[in-house]
Structure formats: C-alpha cells, structure tokens
C-alpha cells in the first residue's frame, strides 16, 4: 500500500521524494558528471528513498527497477536505435547529403533552415513516432547543414515542445483519457485551446534563441507563416477531429506554407551564421530542381509509421503475434489508494512486448526497405547496424537506468507525494498543477508516462477544489511538453545523435531556463482559463 506522506508532513515528504531528481540535475549541470554516472547516483538514491522512507520492500523496489530498465531498452531504446540506423544508412548511401542540397535550394539562411527542420519537420516526426525520434532526426539534419553540434542539440530540444502533447498519433491524450475516464475528444479540445498559443510563440522563441532579437526580426514574416499555419490547424483538428492526426496535419500545413512562401520571399540581411555548410551557391544548376527521390527514405519511414499506427493494422498484427508477460513479484503487488486514483485498485504492472506492431519495429522495417530503395546491399546494412549499435550502447544503458529510476519512484509512491505537495496550494492550484505535468515529464521523459502518472491526481484534486477536471487534466499534458527538453532521456538522445556523448551538462544548462520560462507561461494561461 503506497504511503504518500511517510514523514507526516507533506512538504517534508515531498522534499525527500524529490532528492533523487535534485541529485540527478546537480550531478549533470553543476558537477558535470557523465550522464550515465549521474543517472546511477540518482537511481541509488531513489531506491534508498523508496525502501527507507516510503517502506517499499527491497525485492519489490529491485523488480520495479528491472521492469523500468526493460521498458527503457525495448520500446524506447529500440525506437531510438532504429531511427539512428536509418540516419546512418542515408548518410552512407549519400541520400542525406542530397537531402541537404534540396533544403539549401529552398533557403540558405540558417535561421530559416532551423525553422523548417527543427520546428516543421520535427513536429511531423513527433506526430508519427515521438519518443525522442524527432530530436535525433532533426539534430542530425541540422549538423549536416553546417550547424555546430551543440547548437543543433539545444535547438532541436527547444523546438520539440508544442507538438509533444499530440505526439505518436495522439498517444499522450489517449492515455490521459484512459486513466482519468474523461472523454478523449474533450481532452483533445482543451489541449487544443492551450497549445496553439505556444505554437505561435515557439517558432519566434526558437529563432531568437539562435540568432538574437534582431536576427529574428529580420525574418519575422516566414516565422509568422510557419507559426500561424501550424497553430490554426492544430486548434481546428484537436477541437473538431481528435488527437490522432493533430501533429501530422498541422506540420504538413506548416511545411507546405513555409516552402511556398520562401519561393517568393528572401531576407534582406545575410545569413546570421557563417558556419560552412550547403548553400544555394554550392549547388549545380541541374540539382536545384525539386527532387522527391532524395526524400525517399523519410517518406518510407512516414508511410510505415502511419500504417503501423492505425488501430485496424495494429489490431491485425496483434492477432498474429503478441507476447505479454506479467512481471513476477510486481504484477498486482502495488496498490495506489485514493485520491491518486478515483477508486482503489491494484496497479497491475504488465510488460508488453509486441514484436510486429511496435513503432520501433516499424521504423526498422522502414529502414531496411529504404536501404533496398537506396541500393544498399544486405552486408552494408548489417555493417551499418552494427556500427549504430556500438555507438548507442552507452546511451541505451543510460536510458534504461533513467527508466529504472522513474519506475521505482512511480511504484513506491514518491512521485505522487511530489504531486500532492503542489496540490495543497488551493486557489493557486491551476498554476502549480501545471507544474505537476512538467515535473512528470522531466522525471519520466514522456508526456504519455506523465499523464498516466498524474492524470488521476489532476482529476481528483480538481473535483475537490471545484475546478474543471478536463482543464486540469489537459494542463498536465500541456505543461508536461515544456519538460520534454530537460528530461535526461531526451538529452541523451540529442547527445547521441550529434556525437556529443559526455557533454550532456552543456545541453541541460542551456535548455533549463527555456523549459522553466515556457512552463511558467503555460501555467499562467491555465490560471486565466480557470478564473475566467
């Protein structure tokens, strides 16, 4: 039975529960320890807090850690590995370089390349795959265009915010509906009334972070085009259709509108960054014509992920092969009591391994199919996969450790204790309740996981305080997206994709301010919605 106030003082209990998170952030950002070392220290602290303070049996804590590590390696690590394999394959076969040339024919201005790739394409990949894939792909593309690796990592993380709540075919909102019992359409519509404001803001914020205020003002027209043509469809699709195609539809509108606008508009000032990279001047005239064949690998990826994500195809593949294994000694062994959930029930821990319809497997098949289209031999593909696996070994281990930390915190009840402390703020709860979602994503690395973790808490607390439960449940998801840029898993993915393993502290220190500033703005908006 989870105890949410083991020290008989909610704020003291919450401070102890938050200690591992503080250890993690301080170790990375201040002490500059390697992220896997910091994660191990935080995991040890989490297990210690779970056993010594929250009374979790040692065996149960160790099994929760093993469960989390397995989940981190298979659904998440498996996806990241295969995305990077596709990227390495396009690099080896020369398709990535051709893609760079095509982007350079659209614009050779670094600010607009950043806008097109990190924001527009990033949102599209978030809608298709999510779980770190957009950061890995867009950061690698930016480096190929001449961006400095550290800047590419930081900027890709900032850009991967507004689309996250509807990522991976609406999975976060669907999961939120499942744990709260609130209609998925209502939750989608409410998030659709919150995030479009930030979809208008993020493109300007992103370009300003890269080039400064003056640099952004020089290219504000295309930035506005990208922002408006993303935010308006985001609102309309989320409100009148549902969460499933919000990111994909909005991103396509934004990409097409921005590319069309850049065909007739050019900035007056020179590019703000003179880092060597592909420019229009470097491209032979014969190659300046649009060439869709250069995008074949990514089109194959999009098609495969969309196919894999449809409920009909997923159900068909599940019927062919689905392996579900209950975790021995953990399954049904933890009870989350009210008011974390609306009614007491055992928290069943189920580890589901679905080999055919998992998104990561779909990406692997897409990569293999793309390799065939690009003319890569089986030997070349096998060698490239081996290289990718060796490069990802340490980051994958780090992701496993981070999920182990998150699952121990989740099953011990420590995460709920942190949420309860914020829930005591009464009339200020709409503001601080938004930070619960941010905290959840920061710790778990997933908006979906944060919604599962705190969705029930948000509904029950809102009902006790006389607030709209749909508003606060949606605020958990909207606030959570701003924590995506500082969670350790996303930072590891970014550092791996850009070859910056060991420099995670530099990435974290830069994006932390942006994360806190943006979630504060989300919290203010939610407070206005609650009061007005």
Protein backbone atom coordinates (compact mmCIF):
# COMPACT_ATOMS: atom_id res chain seq x y z
CA UNK A 1 0.00 0.00 0.00
CA UNK A 2 1.53 3.28 -1.08
CA UNK A 3 2.05 5.88 1.68
CA UNK A 4 2.01 9.39 0.28
CA UNK A 5 3.06 11.17 3.48
CA UNK A 6 5.53 8.88 5.29
CA UNK A 7 7.06 11.72 7.34
CA UNK A 8 3.68 13.13 8.48
CA UNK A 9 4.43 16.42 6.72
CA UNK A 10 3.51 16.62 3.07
CA UNK A 11 6.20 19.16 2.16
CA UNK A 12 8.94 17.32 4.05
CA UNK A 13 7.90 14.04 2.44
CA UNK A 14 7.89 15.74 -0.97
CA UNK A 15 11.36 17.21 -0.36
CA UNK A 16 12.75 13.76 0.39
CA UNK A 17 10.93 12.28 -2.63
CA UNK A 18 12.45 15.00 -4.85
CA UNK A 19 16.00 14.45 -3.57
CA UNK A 20 16.96 11.93 -6.32
CA UNK A 21 15.76 14.35 -9.01
CA UNK A 22 17.87 17.14 -7.47
CA UNK A 23 20.87 14.80 -7.31
CA UNK A 24 20.41 13.97 -10.98
CA UNK A 25 20.17 17.58 -12.16
CA UNK A 26 23.01 18.84 -9.94
CA UNK A 27 25.28 15.98 -10.98
CA UNK A 28 24.74 16.73 -14.67
CA UNK A 29 24.52 20.53 -14.71
CA UNK A 30 26.76 21.57 -11.80
CA UNK A 31 29.22 18.74 -11.15
CA UNK A 32 29.35 17.92 -14.88
CA UNK A 33 29.45 14.20 -14.29
CA UNK A 34 28.75 11.91 -17.23
CA UNK A 35 25.04 11.43 -17.58
CA UNK A 36 25.16 7.67 -17.02
CA UNK A 37 27.12 8.22 -13.78
CA UNK A 38 24.61 10.86 -12.66
CA UNK A 39 21.75 8.52 -13.51
CA UNK A 40 23.30 5.69 -11.46
CA UNK A 41 23.70 8.01 -8.45
CA UNK A 42 20.09 9.16 -8.78
CA UNK A 43 18.87 5.57 -9.16
CA UNK A 44 20.70 4.53 -5.98
CA UNK A 45 19.15 7.49 -4.16
CA UNK A 46 15.69 6.63 -5.49
CA UNK A 47 15.93 3.03 -4.33
CA UNK A 48 17.20 4.19 -0.93
CA UNK A 49 14.33 6.66 -0.52
CA UNK A 50 11.78 4.06 -1.66
CA UNK A 51 12.99 1.45 0.85
CA UNK A 52 14.00 3.56 3.85
CA UNK A 53 11.40 6.34 3.71
CA UNK A 54 8.40 5.02 1.78
CA UNK A 55 8.61 1.50 3.20
CA UNK A 56 8.81 -0.30 -0.14
CA UNK A 57 10.17 -3.85 0.25
CA UNK A 58 13.67 -4.18 -1.21
CA UNK A 59 12.65 -7.01 -3.52
CA UNK A 60 9.75 -5.00 -4.88
CA UNK A 61 11.99 -1.98 -5.45
CA UNK A 62 14.57 -4.05 -7.34
CA UNK A 63 11.89 -5.62 -9.53
CA UNK A 64 10.41 -2.19 -10.29
CA UNK A 65 13.88 -1.00 -11.33
CA UNK A 66 14.36 -4.05 -13.57
CA UNK A 67 10.93 -3.51 -15.11
CA UNK A 68 11.72 0.12 -15.83
CA UNK A 69 15.10 -0.74 -17.36
CA UNK A 70 13.50 -3.34 -19.62
CA UNK A 71 10.86 -0.86 -20.73
CA UNK A 72 13.52 1.75 -21.43
CA UNK A 73 15.55 -0.65 -23.56
CA UNK A 74 12.76 -2.20 -25.61
CA UNK A 75 10.03 0.27 -26.51
CA UNK A 76 12.18 3.42 -26.18
CA UNK A 77 15.74 2.29 -26.83
CA UNK A 78 14.58 0.06 -29.68
CA UNK A 79 12.93 3.02 -31.38
CA UNK A 80 15.93 5.36 -30.97
CA UNK A 81 18.35 2.69 -32.21
CA UNK A 82 16.40 2.11 -35.41
CA UNK A 83 15.89 5.81 -36.13
CA UNK A 84 19.65 6.34 -35.89
CA UNK A 85 20.22 3.27 -38.06
CA UNK A 86 18.08 4.83 -40.80
CA UNK A 87 20.01 8.09 -40.47
CA UNK A 88 23.39 6.33 -40.69
CA UNK A 89 22.17 4.37 -43.71
CA UNK A 90 21.09 7.53 -45.57
CA UNK A 91 24.46 9.06 -44.70
CA UNK A 92 26.39 6.09 -46.03
CA UNK A 93 24.39 5.87 -49.27
CA UNK A 94 24.66 9.61 -49.98
CA UNK A 95 20.95 10.34 -49.66
CA UNK A 96 21.39 12.51 -46.61
CA UNK A 97 23.79 14.78 -48.48
CA UNK A 98 21.28 15.06 -51.33
CA UNK A 99 18.59 16.00 -48.82
CA UNK A 100 20.83 18.76 -47.52
CA UNK A 101 21.21 20.09 -51.06
CA UNK A 102 17.44 20.11 -51.55
CA UNK A 103 16.93 22.07 -48.32
CA UNK A 104 19.65 24.50 -49.37
CA UNK A 105 17.76 25.17 -52.62
CA UNK A 106 14.77 26.28 -50.53
CA UNK A 107 16.84 28.66 -48.40
CA UNK A 108 20.48 29.04 -47.42
CA UNK A 109 19.60 31.23 -44.44
CA UNK A 110 20.48 29.36 -41.25
CA UNK A 111 17.51 30.81 -39.35
CA UNK A 112 15.02 29.57 -41.90
CA UNK A 113 16.71 26.18 -42.24
CA UNK A 114 16.37 25.85 -38.48
CA UNK A 115 12.70 26.81 -38.64
CA UNK A 116 11.93 24.37 -41.44
CA UNK A 117 13.79 21.40 -39.98
CA UNK A 118 13.62 21.70 -36.19
CA UNK A 119 10.09 23.09 -35.92
CA UNK A 120 8.18 21.95 -39.02
CA UNK A 121 9.81 18.60 -39.79
CA UNK A 122 10.32 17.95 -36.08
CA UNK A 123 6.60 18.32 -35.45
CA UNK A 124 5.85 15.93 -38.29
CA UNK A 125 8.16 13.25 -36.91
CA UNK A 126 6.75 13.83 -33.43
CA UNK A 127 3.28 13.11 -34.78
CA UNK A 128 4.47 9.93 -36.49
CA UNK A 129 6.82 8.42 -33.93
CA UNK A 130 7.52 10.57 -30.88
CA UNK A 131 9.62 9.16 -28.02
CA UNK A 132 12.81 11.03 -28.96
CA UNK A 133 12.79 10.32 -32.69
CA UNK A 134 12.23 13.98 -33.76
CA UNK A 135 15.21 15.22 -31.76
CA UNK A 136 17.50 12.54 -33.17
CA UNK A 137 16.48 13.15 -36.78
CA UNK A 138 16.34 16.96 -36.81
CA UNK A 139 19.58 17.42 -34.85
CA UNK A 140 21.39 15.16 -37.31
CA UNK A 141 19.92 17.06 -40.27
CA UNK A 142 20.97 20.41 -38.81
CA UNK A 143 24.55 19.21 -38.33
CA UNK A 144 24.57 18.05 -41.94
CA UNK A 145 23.66 21.58 -42.98
CA UNK A 146 26.59 23.04 -41.09
CA UNK A 147 25.15 23.75 -37.65
CA UNK A 148 27.50 23.31 -34.71
CA UNK A 149 26.58 20.02 -32.91
CA UNK A 150 25.92 21.62 -29.53
CA UNK A 151 23.64 24.25 -31.06
CA UNK A 152 21.84 21.58 -33.09
CA UNK A 153 21.15 19.58 -29.93
CA UNK A 154 19.93 22.54 -27.90
CA UNK A 155 17.73 24.00 -30.62
CA UNK A 156 16.15 20.66 -31.56
CA UNK A 157 15.16 20.17 -27.92
CA UNK A 158 13.57 23.62 -27.72
CA UNK A 159 11.65 23.04 -30.96
CA UNK A 160 10.31 19.69 -29.76
CA UNK A 161 7.73 21.17 -27.38
CA UNK A 162 4.42 22.34 -28.83
CA UNK A 163 3.76 19.09 -30.78
CA UNK A 164 4.56 16.70 -27.90
CA UNK A 165 1.08 16.58 -26.32
CA UNK A 166 -0.31 15.08 -29.55
CA UNK A 167 2.78 13.00 -30.35
CA UNK A 168 2.85 9.48 -31.77
CA UNK A 169 -0.66 9.62 -33.24
CA UNK A 170 -2.22 11.21 -30.17
CA UNK A 171 -0.93 8.61 -27.68
CA UNK A 172 -0.49 11.04 -24.72
CA UNK A 173 -4.10 12.26 -24.91
CA UNK A 174 -5.46 8.74 -25.42
CA UNK A 175 -3.53 7.56 -22.35
CA UNK A 176 -4.78 10.55 -20.34
CA UNK A 177 -8.36 9.69 -21.22
CA UNK A 178 -7.82 6.09 -20.19
CA UNK A 179 -6.54 6.90 -16.69
CA UNK A 180 -8.97 9.76 -15.93
CA UNK A 181 -12.15 8.40 -17.50
CA UNK A 182 -12.66 11.75 -19.24
CA UNK A 183 -13.74 11.79 -22.92
CA UNK A 184 -10.77 11.82 -25.27
CA UNK A 185 -12.49 14.39 -27.50
CA UNK A 186 -12.95 16.81 -24.59
CA UNK A 187 -9.32 16.46 -23.51
CA UNK A 188 -8.12 16.93 -27.08
CA UNK A 189 -10.24 20.07 -27.48
CA UNK A 190 -8.98 21.54 -24.20
CA UNK A 191 -5.32 20.96 -25.08
CA UNK A 192 -6.23 22.44 -28.45
CA UNK A 193 -7.23 25.64 -26.62
CA UNK A 194 -3.92 25.80 -24.78
CA UNK A 195 -1.04 24.77 -27.02
CA UNK A 196 -1.84 26.82 -30.15
CA UNK A 197 -0.80 29.95 -28.23
CA UNK A 198 2.62 28.34 -27.78
CA UNK A 199 2.69 27.03 -31.33
CA UNK A 200 2.53 30.71 -32.31
CA UNK A 201 5.28 31.57 -29.82
CA UNK A 202 7.78 28.71 -30.18
CA UNK A 203 8.96 29.50 -33.76
CA UNK A 204 9.79 33.08 -32.73
CA UNK A 205 11.37 31.83 -29.50
CA UNK A 206 13.45 29.27 -31.41
CA UNK A 207 14.83 31.68 -33.98
CA UNK A 208 15.53 34.28 -31.27
CA UNK A 209 17.44 31.70 -29.22
CA UNK A 210 19.62 31.05 -32.27
CA UNK A 211 20.13 34.48 -33.81
CA UNK A 212 19.06 37.02 -31.19
CA UNK A 213 16.21 39.50 -31.24
CA UNK A 214 17.45 41.47 -34.25
CA UNK A 215 18.15 38.33 -36.22
CA UNK A 216 14.61 37.14 -35.62
CA UNK A 217 13.05 40.47 -36.61
CA UNK A 218 14.82 40.30 -39.97
CA UNK A 219 12.98 37.07 -40.85
CA UNK A 220 9.72 37.52 -38.94
CA UNK A 221 7.41 37.09 -41.98
CA UNK A 222 8.31 33.42 -42.69
CA UNK A 223 8.45 32.73 -38.95
CA UNK A 224 4.91 34.05 -38.68
CA UNK A 225 3.82 31.95 -41.67
CA UNK A 226 5.20 28.77 -40.07
CA UNK A 227 3.64 29.63 -36.70
CA UNK A 228 0.17 30.54 -37.92
CA UNK A 229 -0.13 27.67 -40.40
CA UNK A 230 0.77 25.26 -37.61
CA UNK A 231 -1.25 26.76 -34.75
CA UNK A 232 -4.55 27.23 -36.61
CA UNK A 233 -4.74 23.64 -37.95
CA UNK A 234 -3.63 22.41 -34.52
CA UNK A 235 -6.61 24.14 -32.92
CA UNK A 236 -9.08 23.03 -35.61
CA UNK A 237 -8.01 19.36 -35.77
CA UNK A 238 -7.72 18.99 -31.98
CA UNK A 239 -11.13 20.58 -31.44
CA UNK A 240 -13.20 19.08 -34.25
CA UNK A 241 -11.47 15.79 -35.07
CA UNK A 242 -9.48 14.48 -32.12
CA UNK A 243 -5.86 13.92 -31.10
CA UNK A 244 -4.79 11.33 -33.66
CA UNK A 245 -3.67 13.45 -36.62
CA UNK A 246 -3.10 16.84 -34.98
CA UNK A 247 0.69 16.97 -35.35
CA UNK A 248 0.83 15.35 -38.77
CA UNK A 249 -1.85 17.58 -40.27
CA UNK A 250 -0.52 20.77 -38.68
CA UNK A 251 3.07 20.03 -39.65
CA UNK A 252 2.16 19.32 -43.27
CA UNK A 253 0.28 22.62 -43.48
CA UNK A 254 3.23 24.46 -41.97
CA UNK A 255 5.83 22.78 -44.22
CA UNK A 256 3.91 23.45 -47.42
CA UNK A 257 3.09 27.04 -46.50
CA UNK A 258 6.66 27.86 -45.46
CA UNK A 259 8.24 26.30 -48.55
CA UNK A 260 5.77 28.14 -50.82
CA UNK A 261 6.43 31.44 -49.02
CA UNK A 262 10.21 31.04 -49.29
CA UNK A 263 9.88 30.61 -53.06
CA UNK A 264 8.87 34.27 -53.30
CA UNK A 265 10.50 35.85 -50.22
CA UNK A 266 14.15 36.33 -49.27
CA UNK A 267 15.63 38.03 -46.20
CA UNK A 268 17.36 41.36 -46.80
CA UNK A 269 20.22 40.70 -44.40
CA UNK A 270 22.83 37.99 -44.88
CA UNK A 271 22.58 34.72 -43.01
CA UNK A 272 23.40 35.24 -39.35
CA UNK A 273 25.73 32.26 -39.20
CA UNK A 274 28.74 31.80 -41.48
CA UNK A 275 29.41 28.19 -40.47
CA UNK A 276 30.31 26.27 -43.64
CA UNK A 277 27.50 24.16 -45.00
CA UNK A 278 25.34 23.60 -48.04
CA UNK A 279 24.19 26.81 -49.73
CA UNK A 280 22.44 27.56 -52.98
CA UNK A 281 25.73 28.82 -54.44
CA UNK A 282 27.27 25.40 -53.88
CA UNK A 283 24.54 23.56 -55.76
CA UNK A 284 24.93 22.93 -59.50
CA UNK A 285 22.09 24.34 -61.57
CA UNK A 286 20.91 20.89 -62.64
CA UNK A 287 20.43 19.90 -58.99
CA UNK A 288 18.40 22.95 -57.98
CA UNK A 289 15.18 21.48 -59.30
CA UNK A 290 12.93 19.73 -56.75
CA UNK A 291 13.84 16.05 -56.47
CA UNK A 292 11.46 13.96 -54.40
CA UNK A 293 13.70 10.90 -54.73
CA UNK A 294 16.08 12.40 -52.18
CA UNK A 295 13.30 12.20 -49.60
CA UNK A 296 12.54 8.54 -50.31
CA UNK A 297 13.96 7.16 -47.02
CA UNK A 298 11.96 9.61 -44.93
CA UNK A 299 8.80 9.11 -46.97
CA UNK A 300 9.14 5.35 -46.48
CA UNK A 301 9.57 5.96 -42.74
CA UNK A 302 6.48 8.16 -42.55
CA UNK A 303 4.37 5.70 -44.53
CA UNK A 304 5.43 2.76 -42.39
CA UNK A 305 4.84 4.54 -39.08
CA UNK A 306 1.44 5.80 -40.21
CA UNK A 307 0.49 2.29 -41.30
CA UNK A 308 1.70 0.80 -38.04
CA UNK A 309 -0.18 3.41 -36.03
CA UNK A 310 -3.66 2.82 -37.43
CA UNK A 311 -5.87 0.87 -35.00
CA UNK A 312 -7.01 -1.59 -37.68
CA UNK A 313 -3.49 -2.58 -38.76
CA UNK A 314 -2.27 -2.68 -35.17
CA UNK A 315 -5.14 -4.95 -34.14
CA UNK A 316 -4.49 -7.26 -37.08
CA UNK A 317 -0.83 -7.57 -36.28
CA UNK A 318 -1.58 -8.07 -32.58
CA UNK A 319 -3.79 -11.01 -33.53
CA UNK A 320 -0.88 -12.59 -35.41
CA UNK A 321 1.76 -12.16 -32.71
CA UNK A 322 1.68 -10.51 -29.35
CA UNK A 323 3.72 -11.50 -26.33
CA UNK A 324 2.56 -10.13 -22.98
CA UNK A 325 4.49 -11.05 -19.86
CA UNK A 326 3.40 -10.11 -16.34
CA UNK A 327 6.38 -9.11 -14.17
CA UNK A 328 6.77 -11.79 -11.49
CA UNK A 329 6.56 -10.38 -7.98
CA UNK A 330 5.46 -6.94 -9.22
CA UNK A 331 2.27 -7.68 -11.11
CA UNK A 332 -0.65 -6.78 -8.82
CA UNK A 333 1.65 -6.17 -5.84
CA UNK A 334 1.23 -2.38 -5.54
CA UNK A 335 -1.99 -0.61 -4.55
CA UNK A 336 -2.44 3.07 -5.37
CA UNK A 337 -5.07 4.42 -2.99
CA UNK A 338 -7.32 7.50 -3.27
CA UNK A 339 -7.00 10.30 -4.08
CA UNK A 340 -4.32 9.26 -6.60
CA UNK A 341 -6.98 7.26 -8.42
CA UNK A 342 -10.74 7.60 -8.23
CA UNK A 343 -11.21 4.14 -6.74
CA UNK A 344 -8.63 1.88 -5.09
CA UNK A 345 -7.30 -0.86 -7.34
CA UNK A 346 -4.09 -2.83 -7.69
CA UNK A 347 -1.63 -1.16 -10.00
CA UNK A 348 -1.01 -4.03 -12.37
CA UNK A 349 2.48 -3.95 -13.84
CA UNK A 350 2.39 -5.58 -17.25
CA UNK A 351 5.33 -5.74 -19.61
CA UNK A 352 4.02 -5.98 -23.16
CA UNK A 353 6.38 -6.87 -25.98
CA UNK A 354 4.65 -6.64 -29.36
CA UNK A 355 7.18 -7.56 -32.00
CA UNK A 356 5.23 -6.79 -35.15
CA UNK A 357 3.26 -3.65 -34.42
CA UNK A 358 5.72 -1.81 -32.16
CA UNK A 359 6.68 1.56 -33.60
CA UNK A 360 10.37 0.75 -33.27
CA UNK A 361 9.99 -2.40 -35.34
CA UNK A 362 8.08 -0.41 -37.94
CA UNK A 363 10.99 2.02 -38.13
CA UNK A 364 13.44 -0.87 -38.54
CA UNK A 365 11.40 -2.34 -41.41
CA UNK A 366 11.15 1.14 -42.93
CA UNK A 367 14.93 1.50 -42.68
CA UNK A 368 15.51 -1.89 -44.33
CA UNK A 369 13.04 -1.07 -47.11
CA UNK A 370 14.64 2.33 -47.59
CA UNK A 371 18.04 0.63 -47.73
CA UNK A 372 16.82 -1.55 -50.58
CA UNK A 373 15.47 1.51 -52.41
CA UNK A 374 18.81 3.30 -51.90
CA UNK A 375 20.72 0.32 -53.28
CA UNK A 376 22.41 -0.77 -50.06
CA UNK A 377 23.46 -4.42 -50.01
CA UNK A 378 22.50 -6.69 -47.08
CA UNK A 379 26.15 -6.70 -46.00
CA UNK A 380 26.27 -2.89 -45.96
CA UNK A 381 23.05 -2.71 -43.95
CA UNK A 382 24.32 -5.29 -41.46
CA UNK A 383 27.63 -3.45 -41.03
CA UNK A 384 25.85 -0.10 -40.61
CA UNK A 385 23.53 -1.56 -37.99
CA UNK A 386 26.49 -2.94 -36.06
CA UNK A 387 28.17 0.46 -36.11
CA UNK A 388 24.99 2.15 -34.90
CA UNK A 389 24.58 -0.37 -32.09
CA UNK A 390 28.14 0.16 -30.88
CA UNK A 391 27.66 3.92 -30.95
CA UNK A 392 24.40 3.68 -29.00
CA UNK A 393 25.49 1.15 -26.36
CA UNK A 394 26.20 3.63 -23.56
CA UNK A 395 23.24 5.94 -24.32
CA UNK A 396 20.90 2.95 -24.38
CA UNK A 397 22.22 1.87 -20.99
CA UNK A 398 21.63 5.41 -19.70
CA UNK A 399 18.04 5.39 -20.97
CA UNK A 400 17.49 2.06 -19.19
CA UNK A 401 18.85 3.49 -15.93
CA UNK A 402 16.61 6.56 -16.23
CA UNK A 403 13.51 4.46 -16.72
CA UNK A 404 14.54 2.28 -13.79
CA UNK A 405 14.68 5.44 -11.67
CA UNK A 406 11.27 6.59 -12.89
CA UNK A 407 9.59 3.25 -12.26
CA UNK A 408 10.93 2.90 -8.72
CA UNK A 409 9.66 6.41 -7.99
CA UNK A 410 6.33 5.55 -9.56
CA UNK A 411 5.71 2.26 -7.74
CA UNK A 412 6.97 3.49 -4.37
CA UNK A 413 4.54 6.41 -4.46
CA UNK A 414 7.28 9.05 -4.25
CA UNK A 415 6.17 10.71 -7.48
CA UNK A 416 2.62 11.10 -6.19
CA UNK A 417 3.95 12.64 -2.98
CA UNK A 418 5.59 15.41 -5.02
CA UNK A 419 2.31 15.97 -6.81
CA UNK A 420 0.35 16.11 -3.54
CA UNK A 421 2.61 18.82 -2.18
CA UNK A 422 1.73 21.03 -5.14
CA UNK A 423 -1.92 20.06 -4.78
CA UNK A 424 -2.06 21.74 -1.35
CA UNK A 425 -1.76 25.18 -2.94
CA UNK A 426 -5.57 25.60 -3.04
CA UNK A 427 -6.65 28.58 -5.15
CA UNK A 428 -3.26 28.64 -6.82
CA UNK A 429 -3.58 25.03 -7.88
CA UNK A 430 -4.23 25.77 -11.60
CA UNK A 431 -0.80 27.44 -11.70
CA UNK A 432 1.11 24.85 -9.67
CA UNK A 433 -0.91 21.93 -11.02
CA UNK A 434 0.51 22.68 -14.45
CA UNK A 435 3.97 22.18 -12.99
CA UNK A 436 2.95 18.65 -11.95
CA UNK A 437 2.84 17.67 -15.62
CA UNK A 438 6.17 19.40 -16.20
CA UNK A 439 7.66 17.52 -13.25
CA UNK A 440 6.27 14.22 -14.56
CA UNK A 441 7.83 14.61 -18.00
CA UNK A 442 11.10 15.85 -16.53
CA UNK A 443 11.38 12.67 -14.46
CA UNK A 444 9.88 10.06 -16.80
CA UNK A 445 10.91 11.54 -20.16
CA UNK A 446 7.45 11.01 -21.64
CA UNK A 447 4.27 13.09 -21.77
CA UNK A 448 2.36 9.82 -22.03
CA UNK A 449 4.01 8.48 -18.86
CA UNK A 450 3.38 11.77 -17.05
CA UNK A 451 -0.31 11.66 -17.99
CA UNK A 452 -0.60 8.08 -16.76
CA UNK A 453 1.25 9.03 -13.59
CA UNK A 454 -0.62 12.19 -12.62
CA UNK A 455 -3.84 12.15 -14.65
CA UNK A 456 -5.89 10.63 -11.83
CA UNK A 457 -4.38 13.05 -9.32
CA UNK A 458 -5.27 16.01 -11.52
CA UNK A 459 -8.90 14.94 -11.86
CA UNK A 460 -9.48 14.09 -8.21
CA UNK A 461 -7.79 17.28 -6.97
CA UNK A 462 -9.71 19.46 -9.44
CA UNK A 463 -13.03 17.95 -8.33
CA UNK A 464 -12.20 18.55 -4.65
CA UNK A 465 -11.33 22.19 -5.38
CA UNK A 466 -14.35 22.81 -7.63
CA UNK A 467 -12.26 23.17 -10.80
CA UNK A 468 -12.96 21.74 -14.25
CA UNK A 469 -11.29 18.29 -14.27
CA UNK A 470 -10.90 18.41 -18.06
CA UNK A 471 -8.98 21.69 -17.73
CA UNK A 472 -6.53 20.36 -15.14
CA UNK A 473 -6.06 17.00 -16.84
CA UNK A 474 -5.28 18.84 -20.09
CA UNK A 475 -2.96 21.20 -18.18
CA UNK A 476 -0.97 18.15 -17.09
CA UNK A 477 -0.28 17.33 -20.72
CA UNK A 478 0.25 20.91 -21.92
CA UNK A 479 2.56 21.76 -19.03
CA UNK A 480 4.37 18.48 -19.48
CA UNK A 481 5.52 19.26 -23.01
CA UNK A 482 7.77 22.02 -21.69
CA UNK A 483 9.60 19.49 -19.53
CA UNK A 484 10.49 17.39 -22.55
CA UNK A 485 13.62 19.41 -23.34
CA UNK A 486 15.21 18.81 -19.92
CA UNK A 487 14.46 15.16 -19.28
CA UNK A 488 17.59 13.02 -19.25
CA UNK A 489 16.37 10.62 -21.95
CA UNK A 490 15.83 13.41 -24.49
CA UNK A 491 19.20 14.92 -23.68
CA UNK A 492 20.87 11.52 -24.12
CA UNK A 493 19.13 11.06 -27.47
CA UNK A 494 20.26 14.52 -28.58
CA UNK A 495 23.86 13.97 -27.48
CA UNK A 496 23.97 10.56 -29.16
CA UNK A 497 22.56 11.81 -32.46
CA UNK A 498 25.04 14.70 -32.57
CA UNK A 499 28.15 12.92 -31.28
CA UNK A 500 28.20 14.88 -28.02
CA UNK A 501 28.17 11.99 -25.57
CA UNK A 502 29.78 13.36 -22.41
CA UNK A 503 28.59 16.94 -22.93
CA UNK A 504 25.05 16.49 -21.67
CA UNK A 505 25.63 19.05 -18.91
CA UNK A 506 26.24 21.77 -21.52
CA UNK A 507 22.94 20.91 -23.18
CA UNK A 508 20.98 20.81 -19.91
CA UNK A 509 22.26 24.13 -18.58
CA UNK A 510 21.24 25.89 -21.78
CA UNK A 511 17.72 24.47 -22.16
CA UNK A 512 16.76 24.57 -18.46
CA UNK A 513 15.91 28.29 -18.50
CA UNK A 514 13.81 27.91 -21.65
CA UNK A 515 11.92 24.99 -20.08
CA UNK A 516 11.09 26.84 -16.85
CA UNK A 517 10.14 30.06 -18.65
CA UNK A 518 7.80 28.30 -21.06
CA UNK A 519 6.06 26.14 -18.43
CA UNK A 520 5.51 29.29 -16.36
CA UNK A 521 3.71 30.85 -19.32
CA UNK A 522 1.59 27.70 -19.73
CA UNK A 523 0.74 27.83 -16.01
CA UNK A 524 -0.34 31.47 -16.32
CA UNK A 525 -2.58 30.60 -19.26
CA UNK A 526 -4.19 27.72 -17.36
CA UNK A 527 -4.76 30.04 -14.39
CA UNK A 528 -6.54 32.51 -16.66
CA UNK A 529 -8.67 29.72 -18.11
CA UNK A 530 -9.61 28.55 -14.61
CA UNK A 531 -10.54 32.02 -13.38
CA UNK A 532 -12.14 33.46 -16.50
